[in-house]
């Protein structure tokens, strides 16, 4: 099985899932493995990073 075939299988499988907590877990994994991660910080966290 190629990477493209596996991606297509996963896409079709995920499209049929309606369990929000399961989809949230999958999203967490995908975000972790993505090359660009966007971190959301609170104003307090940004202030601590500055100092």
C-alpha atoms as a PDB file:
ATOM      1  CA  UNK A   1       0.000   0.000   0.000  1.00  0.00           C
ATOM      2  CA  UNK A   2       1.376   3.385  -0.961  1.00  0.00           C
ATOM      3  CA  UNK A   3       1.253   6.508   1.161  1.00  0.00           C
ATOM      4  CA  UNK A   4      -1.338   8.024  -1.176  1.00  0.00           C
ATOM      5  CA  UNK A   5      -3.547   4.935  -0.915  1.00  0.00           C
ATOM      6  CA  UNK A   6      -3.298   4.967   2.877  1.00  0.00           C
ATOM      7  CA  UNK A   7      -4.174   8.674   3.001  1.00  0.00           C
ATOM      8  CA  UNK A   8      -7.261   8.057   0.857  1.00  0.00           C
ATOM      9  CA  UNK A   9      -8.374   5.176   3.083  1.00  0.00           C
ATOM     10  CA  UNK A  10      -7.967   7.367   6.165  1.00  0.00           C
ATOM     11  CA  UNK A  11      -9.788  10.312   4.579  1.00  0.00           C
ATOM     12  CA  UNK A  12     -12.763   8.136   3.666  1.00  0.00           C
ATOM     13  CA  UNK A  13     -12.787   6.462   7.067  1.00  0.00           C
ATOM     14  CA  UNK A  14     -12.615   9.748   8.964  1.00  0.00           C
ATOM     15  CA  UNK A  15     -15.387  11.232   6.800  1.00  0.00           C
ATOM     16  CA  UNK A  16     -17.760   8.597   8.178  1.00  0.00           C
ATOM     17  CA  UNK A  17     -16.997   9.254  11.857  1.00  0.00           C
ATOM     18  CA  UNK A  18     -19.373  11.460  13.852  1.00  0.00           C
ATOM     19  CA  UNK A  19     -17.854  10.984  17.319  1.00  0.00           C
ATOM     20  CA  UNK A  20     -16.583  14.448  18.239  1.00  0.00           C
ATOM     21  CA  UNK A  21     -14.177  13.257  20.945  1.00  0.00           C
ATOM     22  CA  UNK A  22     -12.616  10.710  18.576  1.00  0.00           C
ATOM     23  CA  UNK A  23     -12.267  13.333  15.831  1.00  0.00           C
ATOM     24  CA  UNK A  24     -10.715  15.718  18.334  1.00  0.00           C
ATOM     25  CA  UNK A  25      -8.158  13.049  19.234  1.00  0.00           C
ATOM     26  CA  UNK A  26      -7.329  12.503  15.572  1.00  0.00           C
ATOM     27  CA  UNK A  27      -6.985  16.257  15.107  1.00  0.00           C
ATOM     28  CA  UNK A  28      -4.537  16.406  18.009  1.00  0.00           C
ATOM     29  CA  UNK A  29      -2.374  13.751  16.354  1.00  0.00           C
ATOM     30  CA  UNK A  30      -2.507  15.501  12.979  1.00  0.00           C
ATOM     31  CA  UNK A  31      -1.604  18.862  14.507  1.00  0.00           C
ATOM     32  CA  UNK A  32       1.323  17.271  16.355  1.00  0.00           C
ATOM     33  CA  UNK A  33       2.714  15.741  13.158  1.00  0.00           C
ATOM     34  CA  UNK A  34       2.202  18.793  10.941  1.00  0.00           C
ATOM     35  CA  UNK A  35       5.272  20.706   9.887  1.00  0.00           C
ATOM     36  CA  UNK A  36       3.901  24.063  10.948  1.00  0.00           C
ATOM     37  CA  UNK A  37       2.438  24.276  14.413  1.00  0.00           C
ATOM     38  CA  UNK A  38       0.533  27.343  15.526  1.00  0.00           C
ATOM     39  CA  UNK A  39       0.554  27.859  19.264  1.00  0.00           C
ATOM     40  CA  UNK A  40      -2.313  29.723  20.849  1.00  0.00           C
ATOM     41  CA  UNK A  41      -1.237  31.668  23.902  1.00  0.00           C
ATOM     42  CA  UNK A  42      -3.002  33.796  26.438  1.00  0.00           C
ATOM     43  CA  UNK A  43      -1.961  37.404  27.017  1.00  0.00           C
ATOM     44  CA  UNK A  44      -0.341  36.281  30.283  1.00  0.00           C
ATOM     45  CA  UNK A  45       1.713  33.649  28.493  1.00  0.00           C
ATOM     46  CA  UNK A  46       2.852  36.161  25.865  1.00  0.00           C
ATOM     47  CA  UNK A  47       3.937  38.536  28.612  1.00  0.00           C
ATOM     48  CA  UNK A  48       5.965  35.821  30.339  1.00  0.00           C
ATOM     49  CA  UNK A  49       7.623  34.910  27.035  1.00  0.00           C
ATOM     50  CA  UNK A  50       8.697  38.535  26.550  1.00  0.00           C
ATOM     51  CA  UNK A  51      10.535  38.652  29.889  1.00  0.00           C
END
